[in-house]
Amino acid sequence: MTTSVPSPSSGTVAFIGGGNMARSLIGGMIARGAAAGDVRVADPNEAARRALAADFGVTVFADAAEAAAGASLWMLAVKPQVMREVCTTLAPRAQAERPTVVSVAAGITSIQLDRWLGGDTAVVRAMPNTPALLGAGVTGLYANPRVDGAGRERAQALLSSAGETVWIDDEATMDAVTAVSGSGPAYVFLLAEAMEEAGIAEGLEPEAARTLVLQTILGAARMLTESGEAPAELRRRVTSPGGTTQAAVETFESGGLRALAARAIRNAATRGRELAAAND
């Protein structure tokens, strides 16, 4: 279910990985009142460390274990292919300090993270999407049984700085979260690309076609999020019988758009499960 946005919690947060997602979350935290002194970031890239320190005033480290020392919340923001190595390195400290660990790595389960960190670890698995970089994202969250109420609250406070959050009770459905929202922006980008190309083919200048498509998608998204109406109802209202919209919608329907979307999301979810198995 979607939950309200809590305020940033007190305590030190260690970001392991200082890439774009980490930068977005750090910026959001500080904008909402978190103290820069409570944020520590580990990244192997010296230029990235300098930029983080200059932009946000946070403390930076080259070594992940040094950044994690004394932090009650760890944000693992490294690539999935190096997650096991990073967790193995951090396992002794995780066992000694018992932090709440949040991961944004796609295809890595809480069971895998717990095992790599030495066991009995409070793990929150998070799946944000790329609009989180603008503070306009949505994140699916799953907490393993070792995460207490305070840990859930702090994890939500952190991820809420990038947009809405939705808690998932069954981790198996996190692959569906990845397929629907994690990968979802690319589906919209693909639709925009196709609409733009079609508009140009119908005689529009490229600049005009792009503006028309982008503002149409933006306006439709606002109607979806602000009207409170179901997508089907909004579609019905703008589809006049026998009109131009009906002609286009019928073409989509006869072309199997719904079945194609269902198949695409199923394939994305299946790929998520395959990635988890490959990283085991």
C-alpha atoms as a PDB file:
ATOM      1  CA  MET A   1       0.000   0.000   0.000  1.00  0.00           C
ATOM      2  CA  THR A   2       1.109   3.586  -0.553  1.00  0.00           C
ATOM      3  CA  THR A   3       2.194   5.288   2.648  1.00  0.00           C
ATOM      4  CA  SER A   4       2.614   8.880   3.779  1.00  0.00           C
ATOM      5  CA  VAL A   5       6.018  10.515   3.669  1.00  0.00           C
ATOM      6  CA  PRO A   6       7.817  10.574   7.027  1.00  0.00           C
ATOM      7  CA  SER A   7      10.376  13.158   8.045  1.00  0.00           C
ATOM      8  CA  PRO A   8      14.083  12.352   7.815  1.00  0.00           C
ATOM      9  CA  SER A   9      15.159  10.356  10.838  1.00  0.00           C
ATOM     10  CA  SER A  10      18.135  11.000  13.072  1.00  0.00           C
ATOM     11  CA  GLY A  11      21.222   8.804  12.992  1.00  0.00           C
ATOM     12  CA  THR A  12      24.085   8.281  10.595  1.00  0.00           C
ATOM     13  CA  VAL A  13      23.425   6.940   7.109  1.00  0.00           C
ATOM     14  CA  ALA A  14      26.225   5.315   5.113  1.00  0.00           C
ATOM     15  CA  PHE A  15      25.913   5.221   1.330  1.00  0.00           C
ATOM     16  CA  ILE A  16      27.999   2.476  -0.217  1.00  0.00           C
ATOM     17  CA  GLY A  17      28.283   3.770  -3.753  1.00  0.00           C
ATOM     18  CA  GLY A  18      28.015   7.424  -4.726  1.00  0.00           C
ATOM     19  CA  GLY A  19      26.429   7.276  -8.176  1.00  0.00           C
ATOM     20  CA  ASN A  20      23.387   9.078  -9.555  1.00  0.00           C
ATOM     21  CA  MET A  21      20.824   7.355  -7.352  1.00  0.00           C
ATOM     22  CA  ALA A  22      22.870   7.987  -4.223  1.00  0.00           C
ATOM     23  CA  ARG A  23      23.309  11.642  -5.193  1.00  0.00           C
ATOM     24  CA  SER A  24      19.574  12.001  -5.701  1.00  0.00           C
ATOM     25  CA  LEU A  25      18.778  10.480  -2.310  1.00  0.00           C
ATOM     26  CA  ILE A  26      21.444  12.499  -0.510  1.00  0.00           C
ATOM     27  CA  GLY A  27      20.217  15.718  -2.085  1.00  0.00           C
ATOM     28  CA  GLY A  28      16.641  14.878  -1.145  1.00  0.00           C
ATOM     29  CA  MET A  29      17.579  14.031   2.442  1.00  0.00           C
ATOM     30  CA  ILE A  30      19.466  17.264   2.968  1.00  0.00           C
ATOM     31  CA  ALA A  31      16.724  19.320   1.317  1.00  0.00           C
ATOM     32  CA  ARG A  32      14.271  17.842   3.818  1.00  0.00           C
ATOM     33  CA  GLY A  33      16.373  18.661   6.866  1.00  0.00           C
ATOM     34  CA  ALA A  34      18.946  15.908   7.317  1.00  0.00           C
ATOM     35  CA  ALA A  35      22.340  17.100   8.573  1.00  0.00           C
ATOM     36  CA  ALA A  36      25.229  16.678   6.141  1.00  0.00           C
ATOM     37  CA  GLY A  37      27.323  15.497   9.071  1.00  0.00           C
ATOM     38  CA  ASP A  38      25.030  12.475   9.429  1.00  0.00           C
ATOM     39  CA  VAL A  39      25.720  11.280   5.886  1.00  0.00           C
ATOM     40  CA  ARG A  40      28.795   9.263   4.924  1.00  0.00           C
ATOM     41  CA  VAL A  41      29.547   8.067   1.406  1.00  0.00           C
ATOM     42  CA  ALA A  42      31.980   5.467   0.112  1.00  0.00           C
ATOM     43  CA  ASP A  43      32.988   5.476  -3.540  1.00  0.00           C
ATOM     44  CA  PRO A  44      36.205   4.223  -5.177  1.00  0.00           C
ATOM     45  CA  ASN A  45      36.245   7.134  -7.632  1.00  0.00           C
ATOM     46  CA  GLU A  46      38.158  10.106  -6.263  1.00  0.00           C
ATOM     47  CA  ALA A  47      36.452  12.634  -8.541  1.00  0.00           C
ATOM     48  CA  ALA A  48      33.042  11.373  -7.437  1.00  0.00           C
ATOM     49  CA  ARG A  49      34.049  11.705  -3.785  1.00  0.00           C
ATOM     50  CA  ARG A  50      35.262  15.265  -4.274  1.00  0.00           C
ATOM     51  CA  ALA A  51      32.047  16.237  -6.040  1.00  0.00           C
ATOM     52  CA  LEU A  52      29.860  14.725  -3.297  1.00  0.00           C
ATOM     53  CA  ALA A  53      31.792  16.515  -0.584  1.00  0.00           C
ATOM     54  CA  ALA A  54      31.683  19.826  -2.464  1.00  0.00           C
ATOM     55  CA  ASP A  55      28.012  19.625  -3.432  1.00  0.00           C
ATOM     56  CA  PHE A  56      26.532  18.344  -0.178  1.00  0.00           C
ATOM     57  CA  GLY A  57      29.140  18.754   2.551  1.00  0.00           C
ATOM     58  CA  VAL A  58      29.036  15.023   3.370  1.00  0.00           C
ATOM     59  CA  THR A  59      31.959  12.967   4.619  1.00  0.00           C
ATOM     60  CA  VAL A  60      33.451  10.734   1.939  1.00  0.00           C
ATOM     61  CA  PHE A  61      35.591   7.606   2.017  1.00  0.00           C
ATOM     62  CA  ALA A  62      37.371   5.370  -0.452  1.00  0.00           C
ATOM     63  CA  ASP A  63      36.765   2.339   1.760  1.00  0.00           C
ATOM     64  CA  ALA A  64      33.224   1.005   2.270  1.00  0.00           C
ATOM     65  CA  ALA A  65      33.904  -0.460   5.720  1.00  0.00           C
ATOM     66  CA  GLU A  66      35.211   2.885   6.971  1.00  0.00           C
ATOM     67  CA  ALA A  67      32.112   4.692   5.731  1.00  0.00           C
ATOM     68  CA  ALA A  68      29.835   2.096   7.334  1.00  0.00           C
ATOM     69  CA  ALA A  69      31.508   2.243  10.742  1.00  0.00           C
ATOM     70  CA  GLY A  70      29.009   3.470  13.324  1.00  0.00           C
ATOM     71  CA  ALA A  71      26.199   4.053  10.824  1.00  0.00           C
ATOM     72  CA  SER A  72      22.837   2.589  11.831  1.00  0.00           C
ATOM     73  CA  LEU A  73      21.475   2.607   8.259  1.00  0.00           C
ATOM     74  CA  TRP A  74      23.416   1.424   5.232  1.00  0.00           C
ATOM     75  CA  MET A  75      22.302   2.213   1.688  1.00  0.00           C
ATOM     76  CA  LEU A  76      23.869  -0.240  -0.757  1.00  0.00           C
ATOM     77  CA  ALA A  77      23.880   1.613  -4.080  1.00  0.00           C
ATOM     78  CA  VAL A  78      26.363  -0.415  -6.098  1.00  0.00           C
ATOM     79  CA  LYS A  79      25.864  -2.397  -9.292  1.00  0.00           C
ATOM     80  CA  PRO A  80      24.285  -5.851  -8.892  1.00  0.00           C
ATOM     81  CA  GLN A  81      27.319  -7.615 -10.325  1.00  0.00           C
ATOM     82  CA  VAL A  82      29.577  -6.364  -7.528  1.00  0.00           C
ATOM     83  CA  MET A  83      27.034  -6.583  -4.697  1.00  0.00           C
ATOM     84  CA  ARG A  84      28.184  -9.961  -3.421  1.00  0.00           C
ATOM     85  CA  GLU A  85      31.798  -8.822  -3.195  1.00  0.00           C
ATOM     86  CA  VAL A  86      30.819  -5.606  -1.420  1.00  0.00           C
ATOM     87  CA  CYS A  87      28.587  -7.411   1.080  1.00  0.00           C
ATOM     88  CA  THR A  88      31.243 -10.029   1.813  1.00  0.00           C
ATOM     89  CA  THR A  89      33.688  -7.239   2.588  1.00  0.00           C
ATOM     90  CA  LEU A  90      31.163  -5.569   4.888  1.00  0.00           C
ATOM     91  CA  ALA A  91      29.973  -8.777   6.588  1.00  0.00           C
ATOM     92  CA  PRO A  92      32.220  -8.565   9.690  1.00  0.00           C
ATOM     93  CA  ARG A  93      31.064  -5.019  10.392  1.00  0.00           C
ATOM     94  CA  ALA A  94      27.416  -5.941   9.711  1.00  0.00           C
ATOM     95  CA  GLN A  95      27.664  -8.747  12.241  1.00  0.00           C
ATOM     96  CA  ALA A  96      29.297  -6.484  14.830  1.00  0.00           C
ATOM     97  CA  GLU A  97      27.027  -3.447  14.422  1.00  0.00           C
ATOM     98  CA  ARG A  98      23.674  -4.869  13.209  1.00  0.00           C
ATOM     99  CA  PRO A  99      22.587  -1.962  10.968  1.00  0.00           C
ATOM    100  CA  THR A 100      19.455  -1.782   8.868  1.00  0.00           C
ATOM    101  CA  VAL A 101      20.643  -2.425   5.315  1.00  0.00           C
ATOM    102  CA  VAL A 102      18.781  -1.022   2.298  1.00  0.00           C
ATOM    103  CA  SER A 103      19.625  -2.184  -1.214  1.00  0.00           C
ATOM    104  CA  VAL A 104      18.551  -0.644  -4.522  1.00  0.00           C
ATOM    105  CA  ALA A 105      20.170  -3.367  -6.658  1.00  0.00           C
ATOM    106  CA  ALA A 106      17.813  -4.966  -9.163  1.00  0.00           C
ATOM    107  CA  GLY A 107      17.581  -8.753  -9.093  1.00  0.00           C
ATOM    108  CA  ILE A 108      19.268  -9.188  -5.696  1.00  0.00           C
ATOM    109  CA  THR A 109      16.972 -10.720  -3.066  1.00  0.00           C
ATOM    110  CA  SER A 110      16.893  -9.979   0.646  1.00  0.00           C
ATOM    111  CA  ILE A 111      17.830 -13.624   1.290  1.00  0.00           C
ATOM    112  CA  GLN A 112      20.981 -13.245  -0.800  1.00  0.00           C
ATOM    113  CA  LEU A 113      21.907  -9.971   0.890  1.00  0.00           C
ATOM    114  CA  ASP A 114      21.333 -11.453   4.344  1.00  0.00           C
ATOM    115  CA  ARG A 115      23.494 -14.465   3.546  1.00  0.00           C
ATOM    116  CA  TRP A 116      26.326 -12.396   2.043  1.00  0.00           C
ATOM    117  CA  LEU A 117      26.296 -10.096   5.089  1.00  0.00           C
ATOM    118  CA  GLY A 118      26.705 -13.034   7.467  1.00  0.00           C
ATOM    119  CA  GLY A 119      23.081 -13.739   8.425  1.00  0.00           C
ATOM    120  CA  ASP A 120      20.514 -12.313  10.860  1.00  0.00           C
ATOM    121  CA  THR A 121      20.649  -8.946   9.083  1.00  0.00           C
ATOM    122  CA  ALA A 122      17.768  -6.489   8.845  1.00  0.00           C
ATOM    123  CA  VAL A 123      17.398  -5.989   5.096  1.00  0.00           C
ATOM    124  CA  VAL A 124      15.103  -3.706   3.113  1.00  0.00           C
ATOM    125  CA  ARG A 125      15.014  -4.319  -0.604  1.00  0.00           C
ATOM    126  CA  ALA A 126      14.109  -1.242  -2.650  1.00  0.00           C
ATOM    127  CA  MET A 127      13.285  -0.792  -6.321  1.00  0.00           C
ATOM    128  CA  PRO A 128      13.255   2.891  -7.349  1.00  0.00           C
ATOM    129  CA  ASN A 129      12.940   4.057 -10.935  1.00  0.00           C
ATOM    130  CA  THR A 130      14.846   6.676 -12.899  1.00  0.00           C
ATOM    131  CA  PRO A 131      12.419   9.592 -12.273  1.00  0.00           C
ATOM    132  CA  ALA A 132      13.698   9.331  -8.691  1.00  0.00           C
ATOM    133  CA  LEU A 133      16.663  11.339  -9.994  1.00  0.00           C
ATOM    134  CA  LEU A 134      14.206  14.251 -10.328  1.00  0.00           C
ATOM    135  CA  GLY A 135      12.436  13.547  -7.029  1.00  0.00           C
ATOM    136  CA  ALA A 136       9.460  12.289  -9.049  1.00  0.00           C
ATOM    137  CA  GLY A 137       9.977   8.551  -8.800  1.00  0.00           C
ATOM    138  CA  VAL A 138       8.246   5.674  -7.083  1.00  0.00           C
ATOM    139  CA  THR A 139       9.949   2.971  -5.031  1.00  0.00           C
ATOM    140  CA  GLY A 140       8.729  -0.483  -4.108  1.00  0.00           C
ATOM    141  CA  LEU A 141       9.973  -1.575  -0.666  1.00  0.00           C
ATOM    142  CA  TYR A 142      10.160  -4.997   0.973  1.00  0.00           C
ATOM    143  CA  ALA A 143      11.425  -5.577   4.526  1.00  0.00           C
ATOM    144  CA  ASN A 144      12.589  -8.962   5.755  1.00  0.00           C
ATOM    145  CA  PRO A 145      11.301 -10.143   9.166  1.00  0.00           C
ATOM    146  CA  ARG A 146      14.358  -8.774  11.000  1.00  0.00           C
ATOM    147  CA  VAL A 147      13.481  -5.155  10.160  1.00  0.00           C
ATOM    148  CA  ASP A 148      11.624  -3.513  13.036  1.00  0.00           C
ATOM    149  CA  GLY A 149       9.203  -0.605  12.862  1.00  0.00           C
ATOM    150  CA  ALA A 150      11.939   1.980  13.329  1.00  0.00           C
ATOM    151  CA  GLY A 151      13.971   0.400  10.547  1.00  0.00           C
ATOM    152  CA  ARG A 152      11.024   0.472   8.169  1.00  0.00           C
ATOM    153  CA  GLU A 153      10.376   4.111   9.042  1.00  0.00           C
ATOM    154  CA  ARG A 154      13.963   5.142   8.416  1.00  0.00           C
ATOM    155  CA  ALA A 155      14.160   3.232   5.129  1.00  0.00           C
ATOM    156  CA  GLN A 156      10.951   4.862   3.964  1.00  0.00           C
ATOM    157  CA  ALA A 157      12.162   8.301   5.021  1.00  0.00           C
ATOM    158  CA  LEU A 158      15.293   7.801   2.948  1.00  0.00           C
ATOM    159  CA  LEU A 159      13.560   6.562  -0.206  1.00  0.00           C
ATOM    160  CA  SER A 160      10.702   9.063   0.107  1.00  0.00           C
ATOM    161  CA  SER A 161      13.202  11.794  -0.692  1.00  0.00           C
ATOM    162  CA  ALA A 162      13.055  10.489  -4.276  1.00  0.00           C
ATOM    163  CA  GLY A 163       9.262  10.255  -4.575  1.00  0.00           C
ATOM    164  CA  GLU A 164       6.384   8.005  -3.543  1.00  0.00           C
ATOM    165  CA  THR A 165       6.907   4.673  -1.781  1.00  0.00           C
ATOM    166  CA  VAL A 166       4.875   1.455  -1.854  1.00  0.00           C
ATOM    167  CA  TRP A 167       5.442  -1.353   0.654  1.00  0.00           C
ATOM    168  CA  ILE A 168       5.271  -4.908  -0.721  1.00  0.00           C
ATOM    169  CA  ASP A 169       4.382  -7.765   1.649  1.00  0.00           C
ATOM    170  CA  ASP A 170       5.574 -10.633  -0.549  1.00  0.00           C
ATOM    171  CA  GLU A 171       9.107 -10.326  -1.876  1.00  0.00           C
ATOM    172  CA  ALA A 172       8.238 -12.573  -4.817  1.00  0.00           C
ATOM    173  CA  THR A 173       6.207  -9.685  -6.246  1.00  0.00           C
ATOM    174  CA  MET A 174       9.245  -7.388  -6.270  1.00  0.00           C
ATOM    175  CA  ASP A 175       9.987  -8.753  -9.737  1.00  0.00           C
ATOM    176  CA  ALA A 176       6.605  -7.384 -10.789  1.00  0.00           C
ATOM    177  CA  VAL A 177       7.510  -4.028  -9.210  1.00  0.00           C
ATOM    178  CA  THR A 178      10.698  -4.026 -11.256  1.00  0.00           C
ATOM    179  CA  ALA A 179       8.782  -4.926 -14.415  1.00  0.00           C
ATOM    180  CA  VAL A 180       6.041  -2.324 -13.945  1.00  0.00           C
ATOM    181  CA  SER A 181       7.799   0.698 -12.430  1.00  0.00           C
ATOM    182  CA  GLY A 182      11.529  -0.006 -12.402  1.00  0.00           C
ATOM    183  CA  SER A 183      11.581  -0.629 -16.140  1.00  0.00           C
ATOM    184  CA  GLY A 184       8.373   1.323 -16.788  1.00  0.00           C
ATOM    185  CA  PRO A 185       9.875   4.695 -17.749  1.00  0.00           C
ATOM    186  CA  ALA A 186      11.493   3.034 -20.756  1.00  0.00           C
ATOM    187  CA  TYR A 187       8.049   1.924 -21.958  1.00  0.00           C
ATOM    188  CA  VAL A 188       6.834   5.521 -21.887  1.00  0.00           C
ATOM    189  CA  PHE A 189       9.999   6.680 -23.649  1.00  0.00           C
ATOM    190  CA  LEU A 190       9.414   4.049 -26.343  1.00  0.00           C
ATOM    191  CA  LEU A 191       5.823   5.227 -26.818  1.00  0.00           C
ATOM    192  CA  ALA A 192       7.019   8.833 -27.045  1.00  0.00           C
ATOM    193  CA  GLU A 193       9.622   7.809 -29.621  1.00  0.00           C
ATOM    194  CA  ALA A 194       7.014   5.989 -31.714  1.00  0.00           C
ATOM    195  CA  MET A 195       4.500   8.852 -31.491  1.00  0.00           C
ATOM    196  CA  GLU A 196       7.154  11.385 -32.497  1.00  0.00           C
ATOM    197  CA  GLU A 197       8.216   9.317 -35.500  1.00  0.00           C
ATOM    198  CA  ALA A 198       4.576   8.858 -36.554  1.00  0.00           C
ATOM    199  CA  GLY A 199       3.909  12.588 -36.278  1.00  0.00           C
ATOM    200  CA  ILE A 200       6.888  13.375 -38.503  1.00  0.00           C
ATOM    201  CA  ALA A 201       5.690  10.759 -40.991  1.00  0.00           C
ATOM    202  CA  GLU A 202       2.344  12.601 -41.094  1.00  0.00           C
ATOM    203  CA  GLY A 203       4.108  15.814 -42.077  1.00  0.00           C
ATOM    204  CA  LEU A 204       4.948  17.549 -38.774  1.00  0.00           C
ATOM    205  CA  GLU A 205       8.287  19.290 -38.354  1.00  0.00           C
ATOM    206  CA  PRO A 206      10.505  17.316 -35.914  1.00  0.00           C
ATOM    207  CA  GLU A 207      10.570  20.090 -33.314  1.00  0.00           C
ATOM    208  CA  ALA A 208       6.798  20.478 -33.432  1.00  0.00           C
ATOM    209  CA  ALA A 209       6.279  16.713 -33.206  1.00  0.00           C
ATOM    210  CA  ARG A 210       8.515  16.466 -30.143  1.00  0.00           C
ATOM    211  CA  THR A 211       6.821  19.346 -28.336  1.00  0.00           C
ATOM    212  CA  LEU A 212       3.370  17.938 -29.067  1.00  0.00           C
ATOM    213  CA  VAL A 213       4.325  14.473 -27.846  1.00  0.00           C
ATOM    214  CA  LEU A 214       6.175  15.567 -24.703  1.00  0.00           C
ATOM    215  CA  GLN A 215       3.473  17.961 -23.545  1.00  0.00           C
ATOM    216  CA  THR A 216       0.760  15.427 -24.311  1.00  0.00           C
ATOM    217  CA  ILE A 217       2.478  12.789 -22.165  1.00  0.00           C
ATOM    218  CA  LEU A 218       3.143  15.304 -19.402  1.00  0.00           C
ATOM    219  CA  GLY A 219      -0.469  16.490 -19.407  1.00  0.00           C
ATOM    220  CA  ALA A 220      -1.855  12.960 -19.486  1.00  0.00           C
ATOM    221  CA  ALA A 221       0.397  11.980 -16.562  1.00  0.00           C
ATOM    222  CA  ARG A 222      -0.852  14.936 -14.546  1.00  0.00           C
ATOM    223  CA  MET A 223      -4.458  14.006 -15.264  1.00  0.00           C
ATOM    224  CA  LEU A 224      -3.765  10.448 -14.135  1.00  0.00           C
ATOM    225  CA  THR A 225      -2.090  11.506 -10.892  1.00  0.00           C
ATOM    226  CA  GLU A 226      -4.234  14.521  -9.998  1.00  0.00           C
ATOM    227  CA  SER A 227      -7.767  13.571 -11.067  1.00  0.00           C
ATOM    228  CA  GLY A 228      -8.142  10.502  -8.863  1.00  0.00           C
ATOM    229  CA  GLU A 229      -9.897   8.724 -11.734  1.00  0.00           C
ATOM    230  CA  ALA A 230      -8.998   5.293 -13.080  1.00  0.00           C
ATOM    231  CA  PRO A 231      -7.116   5.216 -16.403  1.00  0.00           C
ATOM    232  CA  ALA A 232     -10.053   3.431 -18.066  1.00  0.00           C
ATOM    233  CA  GLU A 233     -12.444   6.197 -17.049  1.00  0.00           C
ATOM    234  CA  LEU A 234     -10.146   8.955 -18.308  1.00  0.00           C
ATOM    235  CA  ARG A 235      -9.721   7.117 -21.595  1.00  0.00           C
ATOM    236  CA  ARG A 236     -13.494   6.752 -21.944  1.00  0.00           C
ATOM    237  CA  ARG A 237     -14.029  10.480 -21.377  1.00  0.00           C
ATOM    238  CA  VAL A 238     -11.669  11.547 -24.134  1.00  0.00           C
ATOM    239  CA  THR A 239     -12.834   8.963 -26.653  1.00  0.00           C
ATOM    240  CA  SER A 240     -15.801  10.354 -28.560  1.00  0.00           C
ATOM    241  CA  PRO A 241     -17.825   7.716 -30.461  1.00  0.00           C
ATOM    242  CA  GLY A 242     -16.859   7.720 -34.103  1.00  0.00           C
ATOM    243  CA  GLY A 243     -14.106  10.293 -33.573  1.00  0.00           C
ATOM    244  CA  THR A 244     -10.385  10.420 -34.211  1.00  0.00           C
ATOM    245  CA  THR A 245      -9.429   9.095 -30.784  1.00  0.00           C
ATOM    246  CA  GLN A 246     -11.695   6.091 -31.171  1.00  0.00           C
ATOM    247  CA  ALA A 247     -10.074   5.305 -34.526  1.00  0.00           C
ATOM    248  CA  ALA A 248      -6.643   5.313 -32.905  1.00  0.00           C
ATOM    249  CA  VAL A 249      -7.687   3.392 -29.765  1.00  0.00           C
ATOM    250  CA  GLU A 250      -9.392   0.701 -31.845  1.00  0.00           C
ATOM    251  CA  THR A 251      -6.175   0.326 -33.831  1.00  0.00           C
ATOM    252  CA  PHE A 252      -4.195  -0.195 -30.616  1.00  0.00           C
ATOM    253  CA  GLU A 253      -6.750  -2.689 -29.311  1.00  0.00           C
ATOM    254  CA  SER A 254      -6.984  -4.681 -32.556  1.00  0.00           C
ATOM    255  CA  GLY A 255      -3.192  -4.759 -32.696  1.00  0.00           C
ATOM    256  CA  GLY A 256      -3.063  -6.516 -29.332  1.00  0.00           C
ATOM    257  CA  LEU A 257      -1.640  -3.695 -27.224  1.00  0.00           C
ATOM    258  CA  ARG A 258      -2.925  -5.131 -23.924  1.00  0.00           C
ATOM    259  CA  ALA A 259      -1.551  -8.603 -24.596  1.00  0.00           C
ATOM    260  CA  LEU A 260       1.751  -7.133 -25.766  1.00  0.00           C
ATOM    261  CA  ALA A 261       2.064  -5.031 -22.601  1.00  0.00           C
ATOM    262  CA  ALA A 262       1.256  -8.053 -20.427  1.00  0.00           C
ATOM    263  CA  ARG A 263       3.858 -10.139 -22.248  1.00  0.00           C
ATOM    264  CA  ALA A 264       6.493  -7.413 -21.963  1.00  0.00           C
ATOM    265  CA  ILE A 265       5.955  -7.030 -18.214  1.00  0.00           C
ATOM    266  CA  ARG A 266       5.953 -10.803 -17.721  1.00  0.00           C
ATOM    267  CA  ASN A 267       9.256 -11.081 -19.609  1.00  0.00           C
ATOM    268  CA  ALA A 268      10.781  -8.279 -17.529  1.00  0.00           C
ATOM    269  CA  ALA A 269       9.679 -10.001 -14.308  1.00  0.00           C
ATOM    270  CA  THR A 270      11.084 -13.310 -15.533  1.00  0.00           C
ATOM    271  CA  ARG A 271      14.380 -11.630 -16.317  1.00  0.00           C
ATOM    272  CA  GLY A 272      14.475 -10.259 -12.777  1.00  0.00           C
ATOM    273  CA  ARG A 273      14.166 -13.765 -11.384  1.00  0.00           C
ATOM    274  CA  GLU A 274      16.896 -14.967 -13.750  1.00  0.00           C
ATOM    275  CA  LEU A 275      19.239 -12.211 -12.572  1.00  0.00           C
ATOM    276  CA  ALA A 276      18.667 -13.224  -8.941  1.00  0.00           C
ATOM    277  CA  ALA A 277      19.494 -16.840  -9.780  1.00  0.00           C
ATOM    278  CA  ALA A 278      22.616 -15.801 -11.707  1.00  0.00           C
ATOM    279  CA  ASN A 279      23.890 -13.792  -8.733  1.00  0.00           C
ATOM    280  CA  ASP A 280      23.258 -16.552  -6.191  1.00  0.00           C
END
